[in-house]
Amino acid sequence: MINDNLLFFQKLGFLLICFAILSFTNFLFKPSSLYLKEDLKLNINKANFCQLVAVPYVGKKTALKIINLRKKLGYIKDISQLKNIGNFNKFKYYLKVEKDAS
């Protein structure tokens, strides 16, 4: 009986120590994001139709409007040039304009 209780408390203590160590290491060594939010945005001047359609809130019609505007202007200098396209306030967070438009 005493050995059973002792064994139980040893197992419990071991589990608590393991839990504490895992919690502490997870706190110290949090995995950092490999990418910045800006890196995950799609460059509007290099994106093709399929890539644009994959952007949230951009459907086929919106993707075509973006591509037509890009053709008309040569390239887009600022994301605000798309403000007349529907859902702009929703999809603008997923797109970027790189300074080098080559």
PDB file of N, CA and C in Angstrom:
ATOM      1  N   MET A   1       0.827  -1.204   0.000  1.00  0.00           N
ATOM      2  CA  MET A   1       0.000   0.000   0.000  1.00  0.00           C
ATOM      3  C   MET A   1       0.864   1.259   0.000  1.00  0.00           C
ATOM      4  N   ILE A   2       1.872   1.289   0.856  1.00  0.00           N
ATOM      5  CA  ILE A   2       2.759   2.450   0.904  1.00  0.00           C
ATOM      6  C   ILE A   2       3.554   2.549  -0.390  1.00  0.00           C
ATOM      7  N   ASN A   3       3.982   1.421  -0.910  1.00  0.00           N
ATOM      8  CA  ASN A   3       4.732   1.424  -2.169  1.00  0.00           C
ATOM      9  C   ASN A   3       3.870   1.905  -3.325  1.00  0.00           C
ATOM     10  N   ASP A   4       2.581   1.532  -3.313  1.00  0.00           N
ATOM     11  CA  ASP A   4       1.675   1.988  -4.374  1.00  0.00           C
ATOM     12  C   ASP A   4       1.498   3.499  -4.336  1.00  0.00           C
ATOM     13  N   ASN A   5       1.319   4.059  -3.130  1.00  0.00           N
ATOM     14  CA  ASN A   5       1.168   5.507  -2.988  1.00  0.00           C
ATOM     15  C   ASN A   5       2.452   6.234  -3.389  1.00  0.00           C
ATOM     16  N   LEU A   6       3.580   5.671  -2.969  1.00  0.00           N
ATOM     17  CA  LEU A   6       4.859   6.277  -3.313  1.00  0.00           C
ATOM     18  C   LEU A   6       5.080   6.269  -4.829  1.00  0.00           C
ATOM     19  N   LEU A   7       4.755   5.172  -5.466  1.00  0.00           N
ATOM     20  CA  LEU A   7       4.899   5.065  -6.917  1.00  0.00           C
ATOM     21  C   LEU A   7       3.980   6.052  -7.637  1.00  0.00           C
ATOM     22  N   PHE A   8       2.760   6.195  -7.132  1.00  0.00           N
ATOM     23  CA  PHE A   8       1.809   7.149  -7.713  1.00  0.00           C
ATOM     24  C   PHE A   8       2.355   8.563  -7.646  1.00  0.00           C
ATOM     25  N   PHE A   9       2.859   8.972  -6.479  1.00  0.00           N
ATOM     26  CA  PHE A   9       3.367  10.333  -6.315  1.00  0.00           C
ATOM     27  C   PHE A   9       4.654  10.560  -7.113  1.00  0.00           C
ATOM     28  N   GLN A  10       5.468   9.519  -7.285  1.00  0.00           N
ATOM     29  CA  GLN A  10       6.652   9.638  -8.124  1.00  0.00           C
ATOM     30  C   GLN A  10       6.260   9.878  -9.583  1.00  0.00           C
ATOM     31  N   LYS A  11       5.267   9.126 -10.053  1.00  0.00           N
ATOM     32  CA  LYS A  11       4.792   9.317 -11.425  1.00  0.00           C
ATOM     33  C   LYS A  11       4.182  10.695 -11.604  1.00  0.00           C
ATOM     34  N   LEU A  12       3.392  11.114 -10.625  1.00  0.00           N
ATOM     35  CA  LEU A  12       2.755  12.429 -10.681  1.00  0.00           C
ATOM     36  C   LEU A  12       3.809  13.534 -10.690  1.00  0.00           C
ATOM     37  N   GLY A  13       4.810  13.406  -9.838  1.00  0.00           N
ATOM     38  CA  GLY A  13       5.887  14.388  -9.789  1.00  0.00           C
ATOM     39  C   GLY A  13       6.652  14.437 -11.098  1.00  0.00           C
ATOM     40  N   PHE A  14       6.929  13.282 -11.666  1.00  0.00           N
ATOM     41  CA  PHE A  14       7.633  13.214 -12.948  1.00  0.00           C
ATOM     42  C   PHE A  14       6.822  13.902 -14.045  1.00  0.00           C
ATOM     43  N   LEU A  15       5.524  13.643 -14.078  1.00  0.00           N
ATOM     44  CA  LEU A  15       4.674  14.278 -15.085  1.00  0.00           C
ATOM     45  C   LEU A  15       4.625  15.793 -14.911  1.00  0.00           C
ATOM     46  N   LEU A  16       4.554  16.247 -13.666  1.00  0.00           N
ATOM     47  CA  LEU A  16       4.526  17.690 -13.416  1.00  0.00           C
ATOM     48  C   LEU A  16       5.834  18.351 -13.829  1.00  0.00           C
ATOM     49  N   ILE A  17       6.948  17.694 -13.551  1.00  0.00           N
ATOM     50  CA  ILE A  17       8.242  18.238 -13.954  1.00  0.00           C
ATOM     51  C   ILE A  17       8.342  18.291 -15.479  1.00  0.00           C
ATOM     52  N   CYS A  18       7.919  17.229 -16.161  1.00  0.00           N
ATOM     53  CA  CYS A  18       7.939  17.219 -17.627  1.00  0.00           C
ATOM     54  C   CYS A  18       7.063  18.322 -18.195  1.00  0.00           C
ATOM     55  N   PHE A  19       5.888  18.497 -17.629  1.00  0.00           N
ATOM     56  CA  PHE A  19       4.982  19.544 -18.083  1.00  0.00           C
ATOM     57  C   PHE A  19       5.603  20.917 -17.884  1.00  0.00           C
ATOM     58  N   ALA A  20       6.228  21.137 -16.734  1.00  0.00           N
ATOM     59  CA  ALA A  20       6.861  22.430 -16.450  1.00  0.00           C
ATOM     60  C   ALA A  20       8.003  22.699 -17.434  1.00  0.00           C
ATOM     61  N   ILE A  21       8.808  21.688 -17.712  1.00  0.00           N
ATOM     62  CA  ILE A  21       9.927  21.867 -18.638  1.00  0.00           C
ATOM     63  C   ILE A  21       9.419  22.174 -20.040  1.00  0.00           C
ATOM     64  N   LEU A  22       8.412  21.433 -20.494  1.00  0.00           N
ATOM     65  CA  LEU A  22       7.867  21.683 -21.829  1.00  0.00           C
ATOM     66  C   LEU A  22       7.237  23.066 -21.936  1.00  0.00           C
ATOM     67  N   SER A  23       6.534  23.469 -20.908  1.00  0.00           N
ATOM     68  CA  SER A  23       5.911  24.797 -20.917  1.00  0.00           C
ATOM     69  C   SER A  23       6.968  25.885 -20.937  1.00  0.00           C
ATOM     70  N   PHE A  24       8.016  25.700 -20.153  1.00  0.00           N
ATOM     71  CA  PHE A  24       9.075  26.692 -20.067  1.00  0.00           C
ATOM     72  C   PHE A  24       9.836  26.798 -21.383  1.00  0.00           C
ATOM     73  N   THR A  25      10.164  25.687 -22.005  1.00  0.00           N
ATOM     74  CA  THR A  25      10.907  25.736 -23.265  1.00  0.00           C
ATOM     75  C   THR A  25      10.048  26.321 -24.388  1.00  0.00           C
ATOM     76  N   ASN A  26       8.757  26.024 -24.375  1.00  0.00           N
ATOM     77  CA  ASN A  26       7.861  26.604 -25.379  1.00  0.00           C
ATOM     78  C   ASN A  26       7.773  28.116 -25.205  1.00  0.00           C
ATOM     79  N   PHE A  27       7.813  28.566 -23.958  1.00  0.00           N
ATOM     80  CA  PHE A  27       7.777  30.000 -23.689  1.00  0.00           C
ATOM     81  C   PHE A  27       9.064  30.670 -24.159  1.00  0.00           C
ATOM     82  N   LEU A  28      10.203  30.047 -23.899  1.00  0.00           N
ATOM     83  CA  LEU A  28      11.490  30.638 -24.272  1.00  0.00           C
ATOM     84  C   LEU A  28      11.768  30.571 -25.764  1.00  0.00           C
ATOM     85  N   PHE A  29      11.415  29.462 -26.372  1.00  0.00           N
ATOM     86  CA  PHE A  29      11.771  29.226 -27.767  1.00  0.00           C
ATOM     87  C   PHE A  29      10.538  29.207 -28.655  1.00  0.00           C
ATOM     88  N   LYS A  30       9.802  30.292 -28.622  1.00  0.00           N
ATOM     89  CA  LYS A  30       8.628  30.391 -29.495  1.00  0.00           C
ATOM     90  C   LYS A  30       9.094  30.407 -30.941  1.00  0.00           C
ATOM     91  N   PRO A  31       8.436  29.628 -31.786  1.00  0.00           N
ATOM     92  CA  PRO A  31       8.830  29.666 -33.192  1.00  0.00           C
ATOM     93  C   PRO A  31       8.486  31.022 -33.785  1.00  0.00           C
ATOM     94  N   SER A  32       9.454  31.647 -34.402  1.00  0.00           N
ATOM     95  CA  SER A  32       9.212  32.950 -35.007  1.00  0.00           C
ATOM     96  C   SER A  32       8.715  32.751 -36.431  1.00  0.00           C
ATOM     97  N   SER A  33       7.976  33.711 -36.889  1.00  0.00           N
ATOM     98  CA  SER A  33       7.480  33.656 -38.255  1.00  0.00           C
ATOM     99  C   SER A  33       8.650  33.839 -39.216  1.00  0.00           C
ATOM    100  N   LEU A  34       8.696  33.026 -40.230  1.00  0.00           N
ATOM    101  CA  LEU A  34       9.775  33.124 -41.202  1.00  0.00           C
ATOM    102  C   LEU A  34       9.547  34.259 -42.188  1.00  0.00           C
ATOM    103  N   TYR A  35       8.306  34.705 -42.269  1.00  0.00           N
ATOM    104  CA  TYR A  35       7.955  35.728 -43.250  1.00  0.00           C
ATOM    105  C   TYR A  35       7.292  36.912 -42.557  1.00  0.00           C
ATOM    106  N   LEU A  36       7.517  38.066 -43.097  1.00  0.00           N
ATOM    107  CA  LEU A  36       6.788  39.245 -42.649  1.00  0.00           C
ATOM    108  C   LEU A  36       5.462  39.292 -43.392  1.00  0.00           C
ATOM    109  N   LYS A  37       4.511  40.027 -42.849  1.00  0.00           N
ATOM    110  CA  LYS A  37       3.222  40.151 -43.530  1.00  0.00           C
ATOM    111  C   LYS A  37       3.401  40.703 -44.940  1.00  0.00           C
ATOM    112  N   GLU A  38       4.334  41.624 -45.073  1.00  0.00           N
ATOM    113  CA  GLU A  38       4.565  42.246 -46.391  1.00  0.00           C
ATOM    114  C   GLU A  38       5.079  41.218 -47.397  1.00  0.00           C
ATOM    115  N   ASP A  39       5.834  40.227 -46.923  1.00  0.00           N
ATOM    116  CA  ASP A  39       6.365  39.199 -47.820  1.00  0.00           C
ATOM    117  C   ASP A  39       5.267  38.297 -48.366  1.00  0.00           C
ATOM    118  N   LEU A  40       4.175  38.182 -47.644  1.00  0.00           N
ATOM    119  CA  LEU A  40       3.105  37.292 -48.053  1.00  0.00           C
ATOM    120  C   LEU A  40       2.107  37.959 -48.998  1.00  0.00           C
ATOM    121  N   LYS A  41       2.259  39.249 -49.201  1.00  0.00           N
ATOM    122  CA  LYS A  41       1.358  39.956 -50.109  1.00  0.00           C
ATOM    123  C   LYS A  41       1.766  39.701 -51.553  1.00  0.00           C
ATOM    124  N   LEU A  42       0.788  39.781 -52.427  1.00  0.00           N
ATOM    125  CA  LEU A  42       0.997  39.529 -53.854  1.00  0.00           C
ATOM    126  C   LEU A  42       1.346  40.834 -54.567  1.00  0.00           C
ATOM    127  N   ASN A  43       2.421  40.803 -55.337  1.00  0.00           N
ATOM    128  CA  ASN A  43       2.817  41.973 -56.122  1.00  0.00           C
ATOM    129  C   ASN A  43       1.847  42.138 -57.290  1.00  0.00           C
ATOM    130  N   ILE A  44       1.131  43.219 -57.286  1.00  0.00           N
ATOM    131  CA  ILE A  44       0.063  43.441 -58.255  1.00  0.00           C
ATOM    132  C   ILE A  44       0.582  43.577 -59.682  1.00  0.00           C
ATOM    133  N   ASN A  45       1.806  44.025 -59.853  1.00  0.00           N
ATOM    134  CA  ASN A  45       2.353  44.220 -61.195  1.00  0.00           C
ATOM    135  C   ASN A  45       2.907  42.940 -61.812  1.00  0.00           C
ATOM    136  N   LYS A  46       3.119  41.922 -61.024  1.00  0.00           N
ATOM    137  CA  LYS A  46       3.654  40.662 -61.544  1.00  0.00           C
ATOM    138  C   LYS A  46       2.648  39.521 -61.496  1.00  0.00           C
ATOM    139  N   ALA A  47       1.515  39.747 -60.871  1.00  0.00           N
ATOM    140  CA  ALA A  47       0.531  38.683 -60.687  1.00  0.00           C
ATOM    141  C   ALA A  47      -0.222  38.386 -61.977  1.00  0.00           C
ATOM    142  N   ASN A  48      -0.459  37.108 -62.228  1.00  0.00           N
ATOM    143  CA  ASN A  48      -1.273  36.734 -63.379  1.00  0.00           C
ATOM    144  C   ASN A  48      -2.715  36.530 -62.926  1.00  0.00           C
ATOM    145  N   PHE A  49      -3.571  36.176 -63.848  1.00  0.00           N
ATOM    146  CA  PHE A  49      -5.008  36.035 -63.569  1.00  0.00           C
ATOM    147  C   PHE A  49      -5.269  35.015 -62.453  1.00  0.00           C
ATOM    148  N   CYS A  50      -4.647  33.850 -62.559  1.00  0.00           N
ATOM    149  CA  CYS A  50      -4.886  32.792 -61.565  1.00  0.00           C
ATOM    150  C   CYS A  50      -4.439  33.209 -60.165  1.00  0.00           C
ATOM    151  N   GLN A  51      -3.314  33.900 -60.095  1.00  0.00           N
ATOM    152  CA  GLN A  51      -2.834  34.374 -58.800  1.00  0.00           C
ATOM    153  C   GLN A  51      -3.771  35.418 -58.208  1.00  0.00           C
ATOM    154  N   LEU A  52      -4.295  36.295 -59.042  1.00  0.00           N
ATOM    155  CA  LEU A  52      -5.226  37.316 -58.551  1.00  0.00           C
ATOM    156  C   LEU A  52      -6.531  36.706 -58.066  1.00  0.00           C
ATOM    157  N   VAL A  53      -7.026  35.712 -58.784  1.00  0.00           N
ATOM    158  CA  VAL A  53      -8.281  35.069 -58.378  1.00  0.00           C
ATOM    159  C   VAL A  53      -8.113  34.357 -57.036  1.00  0.00           C
ATOM    160  N   ALA A  54      -6.901  33.926 -56.722  1.00  0.00           N
ATOM    161  CA  ALA A  54      -6.639  33.241 -55.454  1.00  0.00           C
ATOM    162  C   ALA A  54      -6.627  34.193 -54.256  1.00  0.00           C
ATOM    163  N   VAL A  55      -6.555  35.488 -54.507  1.00  0.00           N
ATOM    164  CA  VAL A  55      -6.562  36.481 -53.432  1.00  0.00           C
ATOM    165  C   VAL A  55      -7.970  36.569 -52.849  1.00  0.00           C
ATOM    166  N   PRO A  56      -8.093  36.606 -51.522  1.00  0.00           N
ATOM    167  CA  PRO A  56      -9.421  36.762 -50.930  1.00  0.00           C
ATOM    168  C   PRO A  56     -10.113  38.028 -51.426  1.00  0.00           C
ATOM    169  N   TYR A  57     -11.399  37.915 -51.673  1.00  0.00           N
ATOM    170  CA  TYR A  57     -12.274  39.001 -52.126  1.00  0.00           C
ATOM    171  C   TYR A  57     -12.023  39.430 -53.575  1.00  0.00           C
ATOM    172  N   VAL A  58     -11.187  38.702 -54.304  1.00  0.00           N
ATOM    173  CA  VAL A  58     -10.958  39.000 -55.724  1.00  0.00           C
ATOM    174  C   VAL A  58     -11.507  37.832 -56.530  1.00  0.00           C
ATOM    175  N   GLY A  59     -12.525  38.103 -57.300  1.00  0.00           N
ATOM    176  CA  GLY A  59     -13.099  37.082 -58.168  1.00  0.00           C
ATOM    177  C   GLY A  59     -12.585  37.251 -59.588  1.00  0.00           C
ATOM    178  N   LYS A  60     -13.213  36.541 -60.501  1.00  0.00           N
ATOM    179  CA  LYS A  60     -12.775  36.588 -61.897  1.00  0.00           C
ATOM    180  C   LYS A  60     -12.942  37.977 -62.496  1.00  0.00           C
ATOM    181  N   LYS A  61     -14.092  38.600 -62.237  1.00  0.00           N
ATOM    182  CA  LYS A  61     -14.353  39.931 -62.800  1.00  0.00           C
ATOM    183  C   LYS A  61     -13.390  40.972 -62.228  1.00  0.00           C
ATOM    184  N   THR A  62     -13.150  40.885 -60.933  1.00  0.00           N
ATOM    185  CA  THR A  62     -12.239  41.839 -60.301  1.00  0.00           C
ATOM    186  C   THR A  62     -10.819  41.645 -60.809  1.00  0.00           C
ATOM    187  N   ALA A  63     -10.402  40.391 -60.973  1.00  0.00           N
ATOM    188  CA  ALA A  63      -9.063  40.102 -61.497  1.00  0.00           C
ATOM    189  C   ALA A  63      -8.911  40.675 -62.906  1.00  0.00           C
ATOM    190  N   LEU A  64      -9.935  40.528 -63.718  1.00  0.00           N
ATOM    191  CA  LEU A  64      -9.881  41.092 -65.073  1.00  0.00           C
ATOM    192  C   LEU A  64      -9.816  42.618 -65.043  1.00  0.00           C
ATOM    193  N   LYS A  65     -10.546  43.245 -64.131  1.00  0.00           N
ATOM    194  CA  LYS A  65     -10.495  44.703 -64.009  1.00  0.00           C
ATOM    195  C   LYS A  65      -9.091  45.160 -63.605  1.00  0.00           C
ATOM    196  N   ILE A  66      -8.468  44.423 -62.692  1.00  0.00           N
ATOM    197  CA  ILE A  66      -7.115  44.771 -62.259  1.00  0.00           C
ATOM    198  C   ILE A  66      -6.128  44.628 -63.417  1.00  0.00           C
ATOM    199  N   ILE A  67      -6.240  43.538 -64.135  1.00  0.00           N
ATOM    200  CA  ILE A  67      -5.331  43.301 -65.272  1.00  0.00           C
ATOM    201  C   ILE A  67      -5.540  44.355 -66.361  1.00  0.00           C
ATOM    202  N   ASN A  68      -6.794  44.692 -66.653  1.00  0.00           N
ATOM    203  CA  ASN A  68      -7.071  45.722 -67.668  1.00  0.00           C
ATOM    204  C   ASN A  68      -6.538  47.084 -67.239  1.00  0.00           C
ATOM    205  N   LEU A  69      -6.685  47.418 -65.963  1.00  0.00           N
ATOM    206  CA  LEU A  69      -6.159  48.678 -65.465  1.00  0.00           C
ATOM    207  C   LEU A  69      -4.633  48.693 -65.554  1.00  0.00           C
ATOM    208  N   ARG A  70      -4.024  47.579 -65.229  1.00  0.00           N
ATOM    209  CA  ARG A  70      -2.563  47.468 -65.316  1.00  0.00           C
ATOM    210  C   ARG A  70      -2.085  47.636 -66.760  1.00  0.00           C
ATOM    211  N   LYS A  71      -2.823  47.029 -67.706  1.00  0.00           N
ATOM    212  CA  LYS A  71      -2.467  47.191 -69.124  1.00  0.00           C
ATOM    213  C   LYS A  71      -2.629  48.638 -69.569  1.00  0.00           C
ATOM    214  N   LYS A  72      -3.683  49.269 -69.108  1.00  0.00           N
ATOM    215  CA  LYS A  72      -3.966  50.647 -69.485  1.00  0.00           C
ATOM    216  C   LYS A  72      -2.902  51.609 -68.952  1.00  0.00           C
ATOM    217  N   LEU A  73      -2.484  51.400 -67.706  1.00  0.00           N
ATOM    218  CA  LEU A  73      -1.526  52.299 -67.069  1.00  0.00           C
ATOM    219  C   LEU A  73      -0.068  51.923 -67.335  1.00  0.00           C
ATOM    220  N   GLY A  74       0.168  50.734 -67.821  1.00  0.00           N
ATOM    221  CA  GLY A  74       1.539  50.250 -67.987  1.00  0.00           C
ATOM    222  C   GLY A  74       1.954  49.454 -66.773  1.00  0.00           C
ATOM    223  N   TYR A  75       1.873  50.037 -65.630  1.00  0.00           N
ATOM    224  CA  TYR A  75       2.035  49.350 -64.353  1.00  0.00           C
ATOM    225  C   TYR A  75       1.395  50.204 -63.277  1.00  0.00           C
ATOM    226  N   ILE A  76       1.112  49.585 -62.174  1.00  0.00           N
ATOM    227  CA  ILE A  76       0.435  50.286 -61.088  1.00  0.00           C
ATOM    228  C   ILE A  76       1.491  50.809 -60.125  1.00  0.00           C
ATOM    229  N   LYS A  77       1.445  52.100 -59.847  1.00  0.00           N
ATOM    230  CA  LYS A  77       2.440  52.745 -58.995  1.00  0.00           C
ATOM    231  C   LYS A  77       2.052  52.710 -57.528  1.00  0.00           C
ATOM    232  N   ASP A  78       0.747  52.734 -57.277  1.00  0.00           N
ATOM    233  CA  ASP A  78       0.266  52.778 -55.892  1.00  0.00           C
ATOM    234  C   ASP A  78      -1.016  51.956 -55.798  1.00  0.00           C
ATOM    235  N   ILE A  79      -1.176  51.264 -54.703  1.00  0.00           N
ATOM    236  CA  ILE A  79      -2.337  50.385 -54.518  1.00  0.00           C
ATOM    237  C   ILE A  79      -3.642  51.188 -54.549  1.00  0.00           C
ATOM    238  N   SER A  80      -3.570  52.462 -54.205  1.00  0.00           N
ATOM    239  CA  SER A  80      -4.786  53.292 -54.198  1.00  0.00           C
ATOM    240  C   SER A  80      -5.342  53.527 -55.601  1.00  0.00           C
ATOM    241  N   GLN A  81      -4.581  53.209 -56.639  1.00  0.00           N
ATOM    242  CA  GLN A  81      -5.098  53.333 -58.002  1.00  0.00           C
ATOM    243  C   GLN A  81      -6.208  52.322 -58.270  1.00  0.00           C
ATOM    244  N   LEU A  82      -6.356  51.350 -57.405  1.00  0.00           N
ATOM    245  CA  LEU A  82      -7.399  50.336 -57.560  1.00  0.00           C
ATOM    246  C   LEU A  82      -8.667  50.669 -56.774  1.00  0.00           C
ATOM    247  N   LYS A  83      -8.716  51.839 -56.144  1.00  0.00           N
ATOM    248  CA  LYS A  83      -9.825  52.145 -55.231  1.00  0.00           C
ATOM    249  C   LYS A  83     -11.199  52.169 -55.896  1.00  0.00           C
ATOM    250  N   ASN A  84     -11.262  52.319 -57.209  1.00  0.00           N
ATOM    251  CA  ASN A  84     -12.551  52.328 -57.899  1.00  0.00           C
ATOM    252  C   ASN A  84     -13.060  50.928 -58.230  1.00  0.00           C
ATOM    253  N   ILE A  85     -12.266  49.933 -57.930  1.00  0.00           N
ATOM    254  CA  ILE A  85     -12.672  48.541 -58.165  1.00  0.00           C
ATOM    255  C   ILE A  85     -13.393  48.036 -56.923  1.00  0.00           C
ATOM    256  N   GLY A  86     -14.488  47.315 -57.134  1.00  0.00           N
ATOM    257  CA  GLY A  86     -15.285  46.792 -56.031  1.00  0.00           C
ATOM    258  C   GLY A  86     -14.488  45.941 -55.063  1.00  0.00           C
ATOM    259  N   ASN A  87     -14.847  45.979 -53.790  1.00  0.00           N
ATOM    260  CA  ASN A  87     -14.200  45.249 -52.696  1.00  0.00           C
ATOM    261  C   ASN A  87     -12.769  45.705 -52.440  1.00  0.00           C
ATOM    262  N   PHE A  88     -12.395  46.868 -52.922  1.00  0.00           N
ATOM    263  CA  PHE A  88     -11.026  47.351 -52.738  1.00  0.00           C
ATOM    264  C   PHE A  88     -10.628  47.371 -51.270  1.00  0.00           C
ATOM    265  N   ASN A  89     -11.522  47.843 -50.419  1.00  0.00           N
ATOM    266  CA  ASN A  89     -11.196  47.946 -48.997  1.00  0.00           C
ATOM    267  C   ASN A  89     -10.982  46.594 -48.343  1.00  0.00           C
ATOM    268  N   LYS A  90     -11.435  45.532 -48.979  1.00  0.00           N
ATOM    269  CA  LYS A  90     -11.234  44.189 -48.431  1.00  0.00           C
ATOM    270  C   LYS A  90      -9.966  43.540 -48.976  1.00  0.00           C
ATOM    271  N   PHE A  91      -9.711  43.662 -50.277  1.00  0.00           N
ATOM    272  CA  PHE A  91      -8.579  42.946 -50.851  1.00  0.00           C
ATOM    273  C   PHE A  91      -7.273  43.736 -50.837  1.00  0.00           C
ATOM    274  N   LYS A  92      -7.313  45.008 -50.514  1.00  0.00           N
ATOM    275  CA  LYS A  92      -6.094  45.820 -50.547  1.00  0.00           C
ATOM    276  C   LYS A  92      -5.036  45.329 -49.561  1.00  0.00           C
ATOM    277  N   TYR A  93      -5.437  44.637 -48.532  1.00  0.00           N
ATOM    278  CA  TYR A  93      -4.494  44.145 -47.526  1.00  0.00           C
ATOM    279  C   TYR A  93      -3.687  42.944 -48.016  1.00  0.00           C
ATOM    280  N   TYR A  94      -4.091  42.357 -49.118  1.00  0.00           N
ATOM    281  CA  TYR A  94      -3.423  41.160 -49.643  1.00  0.00           C
ATOM    282  C   TYR A  94      -2.519  41.471 -50.841  1.00  0.00           C
ATOM    283  N   LEU A  95      -2.482  42.728 -51.245  1.00  0.00           N
ATOM    284  CA  LEU A  95      -1.723  43.115 -52.432  1.00  0.00           C
ATOM    285  C   LEU A  95      -0.673  44.152 -52.074  1.00  0.00           C
ATOM    286  N   LYS A  96       0.358  44.199 -52.872  1.00  0.00           N
ATOM    287  CA  LYS A  96       1.390  45.220 -52.685  1.00  0.00           C
ATOM    288  C   LYS A  96       1.886  45.689 -54.047  1.00  0.00           C
ATOM    289  N   VAL A  97       2.560  46.815 -54.046  1.00  0.00           N
ATOM    290  CA  VAL A  97       3.194  47.352 -55.239  1.00  0.00           C
ATOM    291  C   VAL A  97       4.668  47.487 -54.906  1.00  0.00           C
ATOM    292  N   GLU A  98       5.482  46.728 -55.630  1.00  0.00           N
ATOM    293  CA  GLU A  98       6.919  46.854 -55.409  1.00  0.00           C
ATOM    294  C   GLU A  98       7.443  48.052 -56.167  1.00  0.00           C
ATOM    295  N   LYS A  99       8.436  48.687 -55.619  1.00  0.00           N
ATOM    296  CA  LYS A  99       8.986  49.894 -56.246  1.00  0.00           C
ATOM    297  C   LYS A  99       9.602  49.590 -57.604  1.00  0.00           C
ATOM    298  N   ASP A 100      10.241  48.439 -57.726  1.00  0.00           N
ATOM    299  CA  ASP A 100      10.811  48.038 -59.012  1.00  0.00           C
ATOM    300  C   ASP A 100       9.731  47.314 -59.804  1.00  0.00           C
ATOM    301  N   ALA A 101       9.176  47.942 -60.798  1.00  0.00           N
ATOM    302  CA  ALA A 101       8.055  47.369 -61.548  1.00  0.00           C
ATOM    303  C   ALA A 101       8.511  46.570 -62.756  1.00  0.00           C
ATOM    304  N   SER A 102       9.762  46.142 -62.771  1.00  0.00           N
ATOM    305  CA  SER A 102      10.241  45.374 -63.934  1.00  0.00           C
ATOM    306  C   SER A 102       9.755  43.945 -63.907  1.00  0.00           C
TER     307      SER A 102
END
